[in-house]
């Protein structure tokens, strides 16, 4: 996990609008179906309100954009089997895993894909 943190730090070096990677704040699981349905399970309430999430295919990274315009990297690389289905994704469902292991109601975030080389 340390290399993933370092990789995220290198991507965001010198950018003051970047927050600490989400994977450093809490335990998370990213689930992607073959058809591009995406769920992000996160332990406990999130610290920020997000406006949308974007996928950068050149970095294989998800970046969450807050309502205040700050960016927060997921903090882990999106691996090969999950990449192709993301081309069909239009929203990502955020689901909180509560302390008693129950799930909160999912809420959708708009999902966008950056153009390669942008």
N, C-alpha and C. Protein backbone atom coordinates (compact mmCIF):
# COMPACT_ATOMS: atom_id res chain seq x y z
N UNK A 1 0.81 -1.19 0.00
CA UNK A 1 0.00 0.00 0.00
C UNK A 1 0.86 1.26 0.00
N UNK A 2 2.08 1.18 0.56
CA UNK A 2 2.95 2.36 0.61
C UNK A 2 3.30 2.85 -0.78
N UNK A 3 3.53 1.93 -1.72
CA UNK A 3 3.88 2.35 -3.08
C UNK A 3 2.72 3.07 -3.74
N UNK A 4 1.48 2.67 -3.41
CA UNK A 4 0.32 3.34 -3.99
C UNK A 4 0.23 4.77 -3.46
N UNK A 5 0.53 4.95 -2.18
CA UNK A 5 0.52 6.29 -1.62
C UNK A 5 1.58 7.15 -2.29
N UNK A 6 2.77 6.60 -2.48
CA UNK A 6 3.85 7.34 -3.12
C UNK A 6 3.46 7.71 -4.55
N UNK A 7 2.86 6.76 -5.26
CA UNK A 7 2.43 7.00 -6.64
C UNK A 7 1.42 8.15 -6.69
N UNK A 8 0.47 8.16 -5.76
CA UNK A 8 -0.52 9.24 -5.70
C UNK A 8 0.15 10.56 -5.37
N UNK A 9 1.14 10.55 -4.47
CA UNK A 9 1.85 11.77 -4.10
C UNK A 9 2.60 12.33 -5.31
N UNK A 10 3.22 11.47 -6.10
CA UNK A 10 3.94 11.92 -7.29
C UNK A 10 2.99 12.56 -8.30
N UNK A 11 1.79 11.99 -8.46
CA UNK A 11 0.81 12.53 -9.41
C UNK A 11 0.34 13.91 -8.98
N UNK A 12 0.29 14.16 -7.67
CA UNK A 12 -0.31 15.38 -7.16
C UNK A 12 0.71 16.39 -6.64
N UNK A 13 1.99 16.10 -6.81
CA UNK A 13 3.04 16.97 -6.28
C UNK A 13 2.88 18.41 -6.77
N UNK A 14 2.91 19.34 -5.84
CA UNK A 14 2.88 20.75 -6.18
C UNK A 14 1.49 21.32 -6.41
N UNK A 15 0.46 20.49 -6.30
CA UNK A 15 -0.90 20.97 -6.54
C UNK A 15 -1.59 21.15 -5.20
N UNK A 16 -1.91 22.38 -4.84
CA UNK A 16 -2.46 22.68 -3.53
C UNK A 16 -3.93 22.29 -3.40
N UNK A 17 -4.61 22.04 -4.51
CA UNK A 17 -6.02 21.69 -4.44
C UNK A 17 -6.23 20.20 -4.18
N UNK A 18 -5.16 19.45 -4.00
CA UNK A 18 -5.27 18.02 -3.80
C UNK A 18 -5.32 17.67 -2.32
N UNK A 19 -6.24 16.80 -1.98
CA UNK A 19 -6.39 16.30 -0.62
C UNK A 19 -5.63 14.98 -0.49
N UNK A 20 -5.45 14.53 0.72
CA UNK A 20 -4.82 13.23 0.97
C UNK A 20 -5.65 12.15 0.28
N UNK A 21 -5.02 11.16 -0.35
CA UNK A 21 -5.76 10.10 -1.04
C UNK A 21 -6.80 9.42 -0.15
N UNK A 22 -7.93 9.10 -0.73
CA UNK A 22 -9.04 8.51 0.00
C UNK A 22 -8.65 7.20 0.69
N UNK A 23 -7.83 6.38 0.02
CA UNK A 23 -7.42 5.10 0.60
C UNK A 23 -6.57 5.27 1.85
N UNK A 24 -6.04 6.45 2.08
CA UNK A 24 -5.28 6.71 3.30
C UNK A 24 -6.19 7.15 4.45
N UNK A 25 -7.38 7.62 4.11
CA UNK A 25 -8.31 8.10 5.14
C UNK A 25 -9.17 6.99 5.73
N UNK A 26 -9.43 5.97 4.92
CA UNK A 26 -10.32 4.90 5.38
C UNK A 26 -10.17 3.68 4.48
N UNK A 27 -10.71 2.57 4.95
CA UNK A 27 -10.70 1.34 4.16
C UNK A 27 -11.74 1.48 3.05
N UNK A 28 -11.36 1.10 1.83
CA UNK A 28 -12.26 1.20 0.69
C UNK A 28 -12.15 -0.05 -0.18
N UNK A 29 -13.19 -0.33 -0.92
CA UNK A 29 -13.21 -1.41 -1.91
C UNK A 29 -13.88 -0.87 -3.15
N UNK A 30 -13.24 -1.06 -4.29
CA UNK A 30 -13.80 -0.64 -5.58
C UNK A 30 -14.29 -1.88 -6.31
N UNK A 31 -15.56 -1.86 -6.70
CA UNK A 31 -16.17 -2.97 -7.41
C UNK A 31 -16.63 -2.48 -8.77
N UNK A 32 -16.24 -3.19 -9.83
CA UNK A 32 -16.61 -2.83 -11.19
C UNK A 32 -17.13 -4.08 -11.89
N UNK A 33 -18.34 -4.01 -12.45
CA UNK A 33 -18.89 -5.15 -13.18
C UNK A 33 -18.41 -5.11 -14.63
N UNK A 34 -18.63 -6.19 -15.35
CA UNK A 34 -18.24 -6.28 -16.76
C UNK A 34 -18.94 -5.22 -17.61
N UNK A 35 -20.12 -4.80 -17.17
CA UNK A 35 -20.88 -3.81 -17.95
C UNK A 35 -20.59 -2.38 -17.54
N UNK A 36 -19.72 -2.18 -16.54
CA UNK A 36 -19.34 -0.83 -16.15
C UNK A 36 -20.08 -0.24 -14.97
N UNK A 37 -20.86 -1.05 -14.27
CA UNK A 37 -21.47 -0.57 -13.03
C UNK A 37 -20.37 -0.52 -11.97
N UNK A 38 -20.31 0.59 -11.24
CA UNK A 38 -19.23 0.79 -10.27
C UNK A 38 -19.80 1.13 -8.90
N UNK A 39 -19.22 0.48 -7.89
CA UNK A 39 -19.56 0.78 -6.50
C UNK A 39 -18.26 1.00 -5.74
N UNK A 40 -18.28 1.98 -4.87
CA UNK A 40 -17.16 2.20 -3.96
C UNK A 40 -17.70 2.04 -2.55
N UNK A 41 -17.26 0.99 -1.88
CA UNK A 41 -17.63 0.76 -0.48
C UNK A 41 -16.60 1.45 0.38
N UNK A 42 -17.05 2.22 1.36
CA UNK A 42 -16.12 2.93 2.23
C UNK A 42 -16.52 2.78 3.68
N UNK A 43 -15.54 2.56 4.54
CA UNK A 43 -15.77 2.39 5.97
C UNK A 43 -16.04 3.76 6.60
N UNK A 44 -17.21 3.95 7.16
CA UNK A 44 -17.54 5.19 7.83
C UNK A 44 -17.89 6.31 6.86
N UNK A 45 -18.38 7.40 7.44
CA UNK A 45 -18.77 8.57 6.64
C UNK A 45 -17.53 9.22 6.02
N UNK A 46 -17.71 9.78 4.83
CA UNK A 46 -16.62 10.46 4.15
C UNK A 46 -16.44 11.86 4.71
N UNK A 47 -15.23 12.37 4.61
CA UNK A 47 -14.91 13.68 5.16
C UNK A 47 -15.31 14.84 4.24
N UNK A 48 -15.61 14.54 2.99
CA UNK A 48 -15.89 15.59 2.01
C UNK A 48 -17.18 15.28 1.24
N UNK A 49 -17.79 16.33 0.72
CA UNK A 49 -18.94 16.18 -0.18
C UNK A 49 -18.40 16.27 -1.60
N UNK A 50 -18.67 15.24 -2.39
CA UNK A 50 -18.13 15.19 -3.74
C UNK A 50 -19.16 15.61 -4.76
N UNK A 51 -18.66 16.26 -5.81
CA UNK A 51 -19.49 16.70 -6.91
C UNK A 51 -19.52 15.63 -8.01
N UNK A 52 -18.35 15.07 -8.33
CA UNK A 52 -18.24 14.03 -9.35
C UNK A 52 -16.91 13.31 -9.19
N UNK A 53 -16.75 12.24 -9.95
CA UNK A 53 -15.50 11.48 -9.96
C UNK A 53 -15.06 11.36 -11.42
N UNK A 54 -13.76 11.46 -11.63
CA UNK A 54 -13.23 11.33 -12.99
C UNK A 54 -12.17 10.24 -13.03
N UNK A 55 -12.10 9.58 -14.19
CA UNK A 55 -11.09 8.55 -14.40
C UNK A 55 -10.07 9.08 -15.38
N UNK A 56 -8.81 8.98 -15.01
CA UNK A 56 -7.71 9.39 -15.89
C UNK A 56 -7.08 8.11 -16.43
N UNK A 57 -7.37 7.75 -17.70
CA UNK A 57 -6.86 6.50 -18.25
C UNK A 57 -5.34 6.48 -18.43
N UNK A 58 -4.72 7.64 -18.55
CA UNK A 58 -3.26 7.66 -18.71
C UNK A 58 -2.55 7.33 -17.39
N UNK A 59 -3.21 7.64 -16.27
CA UNK A 59 -2.64 7.34 -14.94
C UNK A 59 -3.29 6.13 -14.28
N UNK A 60 -4.38 5.64 -14.89
CA UNK A 60 -5.16 4.54 -14.30
C UNK A 60 -5.59 4.92 -12.89
N UNK A 61 -6.13 6.13 -12.78
CA UNK A 61 -6.46 6.68 -11.46
C UNK A 61 -7.85 7.30 -11.46
N UNK A 62 -8.53 7.13 -10.32
CA UNK A 62 -9.81 7.81 -10.08
C UNK A 62 -9.53 9.01 -9.20
N UNK A 63 -10.16 10.12 -9.55
CA UNK A 63 -10.00 11.35 -8.77
C UNK A 63 -11.39 11.89 -8.46
N UNK A 64 -11.61 12.15 -7.19
CA UNK A 64 -12.88 12.67 -6.72
C UNK A 64 -12.77 14.18 -6.60
N UNK A 65 -13.76 14.89 -7.11
CA UNK A 65 -13.77 16.35 -7.07
C UNK A 65 -14.84 16.77 -6.07
N UNK A 66 -14.43 17.55 -5.08
CA UNK A 66 -15.35 17.97 -4.03
C UNK A 66 -16.23 19.12 -4.52
N UNK A 67 -17.25 19.42 -3.74
CA UNK A 67 -18.13 20.55 -4.04
C UNK A 67 -17.35 21.86 -4.02
N UNK A 68 -16.21 21.89 -3.30
CA UNK A 68 -15.36 23.08 -3.21
C UNK A 68 -14.31 23.14 -4.30
N UNK A 69 -14.28 22.13 -5.19
CA UNK A 69 -13.32 22.12 -6.28
C UNK A 69 -11.98 21.47 -5.95
N UNK A 70 -11.86 20.91 -4.75
CA UNK A 70 -10.63 20.20 -4.39
C UNK A 70 -10.66 18.81 -5.01
N UNK A 71 -9.47 18.26 -5.26
CA UNK A 71 -9.38 16.93 -5.84
C UNK A 71 -8.78 15.96 -4.85
N UNK A 72 -9.32 14.74 -4.86
CA UNK A 72 -8.83 13.69 -3.98
C UNK A 72 -8.68 12.42 -4.79
N UNK A 73 -7.44 11.97 -4.89
CA UNK A 73 -7.13 10.74 -5.60
C UNK A 73 -7.67 9.55 -4.80
N UNK A 74 -8.07 8.51 -5.49
CA UNK A 74 -8.51 7.30 -4.80
C UNK A 74 -7.37 6.73 -3.96
N UNK A 75 -6.14 6.84 -4.48
CA UNK A 75 -4.98 6.37 -3.73
C UNK A 75 -4.58 4.96 -4.07
N UNK A 76 -5.12 4.42 -5.13
CA UNK A 76 -4.72 3.11 -5.61
C UNK A 76 -4.94 3.05 -7.11
N UNK A 77 -4.13 2.27 -7.78
CA UNK A 77 -4.20 2.13 -9.22
C UNK A 77 -5.40 1.29 -9.62
N UNK A 78 -6.10 1.70 -10.67
CA UNK A 78 -7.17 0.88 -11.24
C UNK A 78 -6.48 -0.17 -12.12
N UNK A 79 -6.60 -1.42 -11.74
CA UNK A 79 -5.89 -2.49 -12.42
C UNK A 79 -6.57 -2.90 -13.72
N UNK A 80 -5.81 -3.55 -14.58
CA UNK A 80 -6.19 -3.90 -15.95
C UNK A 80 -7.60 -4.47 -16.09
N UNK A 81 -8.02 -5.46 -15.33
CA UNK A 81 -9.36 -6.04 -15.56
C UNK A 81 -10.51 -5.05 -15.35
N UNK A 82 -10.26 -3.98 -14.61
CA UNK A 82 -11.32 -3.01 -14.31
C UNK A 82 -11.36 -1.85 -15.29
N UNK A 83 -10.33 -1.68 -16.09
CA UNK A 83 -10.21 -0.49 -16.94
C UNK A 83 -11.21 -0.44 -18.09
N UNK A 84 -11.31 -1.49 -18.88
CA UNK A 84 -12.18 -1.48 -20.06
C UNK A 84 -13.64 -1.21 -19.70
N UNK A 85 -14.19 -1.85 -18.66
CA UNK A 85 -15.60 -1.58 -18.33
C UNK A 85 -15.87 -0.12 -17.94
N UNK A 86 -14.85 0.60 -17.47
CA UNK A 86 -15.06 1.99 -17.07
C UNK A 86 -15.45 2.89 -18.24
N UNK A 87 -15.18 2.45 -19.47
CA UNK A 87 -15.57 3.23 -20.65
C UNK A 87 -17.09 3.30 -20.79
N UNK A 88 -17.81 2.39 -20.13
CA UNK A 88 -19.28 2.38 -20.17
C UNK A 88 -19.91 3.04 -18.95
N UNK A 89 -19.11 3.48 -18.01
CA UNK A 89 -19.62 4.00 -16.74
C UNK A 89 -20.11 5.43 -16.87
N UNK A 90 -21.25 5.71 -16.27
CA UNK A 90 -21.82 7.06 -16.26
C UNK A 90 -21.95 7.61 -14.84
N UNK A 91 -21.99 6.70 -13.86
CA UNK A 91 -22.07 7.11 -12.46
C UNK A 91 -21.42 6.02 -11.60
N UNK A 92 -21.02 6.43 -10.43
CA UNK A 92 -20.43 5.52 -9.46
C UNK A 92 -21.29 5.60 -8.20
N UNK A 93 -21.60 4.46 -7.63
CA UNK A 93 -22.41 4.43 -6.41
C UNK A 93 -21.51 4.34 -5.19
N UNK A 94 -21.64 5.32 -4.32
CA UNK A 94 -20.88 5.39 -3.08
C UNK A 94 -21.73 4.75 -1.99
N UNK A 95 -21.14 3.79 -1.27
CA UNK A 95 -21.88 3.07 -0.24
C UNK A 95 -21.06 3.01 1.04
N UNK A 96 -21.61 3.60 2.09
CA UNK A 96 -20.93 3.58 3.39
C UNK A 96 -21.18 2.26 4.09
N UNK A 97 -20.09 1.65 4.59
CA UNK A 97 -20.19 0.47 5.45
C UNK A 97 -20.10 1.01 6.88
N UNK A 98 -21.19 0.88 7.61
CA UNK A 98 -21.24 1.43 8.97
C UNK A 98 -20.50 0.53 9.96
N UNK A 99 -20.29 1.04 11.16
CA UNK A 99 -19.56 0.32 12.19
C UNK A 99 -20.17 -1.03 12.55
N UNK A 100 -21.49 -1.15 12.41
CA UNK A 100 -22.14 -2.43 12.73
C UNK A 100 -22.23 -3.34 11.50
N UNK A 101 -21.46 -2.99 10.45
CA UNK A 101 -21.34 -3.75 9.19
C UNK A 101 -22.60 -3.70 8.33
N UNK A 102 -23.53 -2.78 8.63
CA UNK A 102 -24.68 -2.58 7.76
C UNK A 102 -24.30 -1.55 6.71
N UNK A 103 -25.05 -1.54 5.62
CA UNK A 103 -24.77 -0.62 4.52
C UNK A 103 -25.76 0.54 4.53
N UNK A 104 -25.25 1.73 4.33
CA UNK A 104 -26.11 2.91 4.16
C UNK A 104 -26.66 2.89 2.74
N UNK A 105 -27.68 3.67 2.51
CA UNK A 105 -28.25 3.77 1.17
C UNK A 105 -27.19 4.31 0.21
N UNK A 106 -27.04 3.68 -0.95
CA UNK A 106 -26.05 4.17 -1.92
C UNK A 106 -26.46 5.53 -2.48
N UNK A 107 -25.45 6.33 -2.80
CA UNK A 107 -25.76 7.57 -3.50
C UNK A 107 -24.85 7.68 -4.72
N UNK A 108 -25.42 8.13 -5.84
CA UNK A 108 -24.66 8.18 -7.08
C UNK A 108 -23.85 9.46 -7.21
N UNK A 109 -22.70 9.31 -7.86
CA UNK A 109 -21.88 10.46 -8.27
C UNK A 109 -21.70 10.37 -9.77
N UNK A 110 -21.76 11.50 -10.43
CA UNK A 110 -21.50 11.54 -11.86
C UNK A 110 -20.08 11.06 -12.11
N UNK A 111 -19.89 10.30 -13.18
CA UNK A 111 -18.59 9.75 -13.54
C UNK A 111 -18.19 10.27 -14.91
N UNK A 112 -17.00 10.81 -15.01
CA UNK A 112 -16.49 11.29 -16.30
C UNK A 112 -15.13 10.65 -16.58
N UNK A 113 -14.78 10.60 -17.83
CA UNK A 113 -13.49 10.06 -18.23
C UNK A 113 -12.69 11.16 -18.92
N UNK A 114 -11.48 11.37 -18.44
CA UNK A 114 -10.60 12.33 -19.09
C UNK A 114 -10.14 11.77 -20.42
N UNK A 115 -9.92 12.64 -21.37
CA UNK A 115 -9.41 12.22 -22.67
C UNK A 115 -7.93 11.92 -22.54
N UNK A 116 -7.50 10.81 -23.13
CA UNK A 116 -6.07 10.45 -23.04
C UNK A 116 -5.23 11.60 -23.59
N UNK A 117 -4.19 11.91 -22.83
CA UNK A 117 -3.28 12.97 -23.22
C UNK A 117 -3.72 14.35 -22.81
N UNK A 118 -4.87 14.46 -22.15
CA UNK A 118 -5.38 15.77 -21.74
C UNK A 118 -4.66 16.27 -20.52
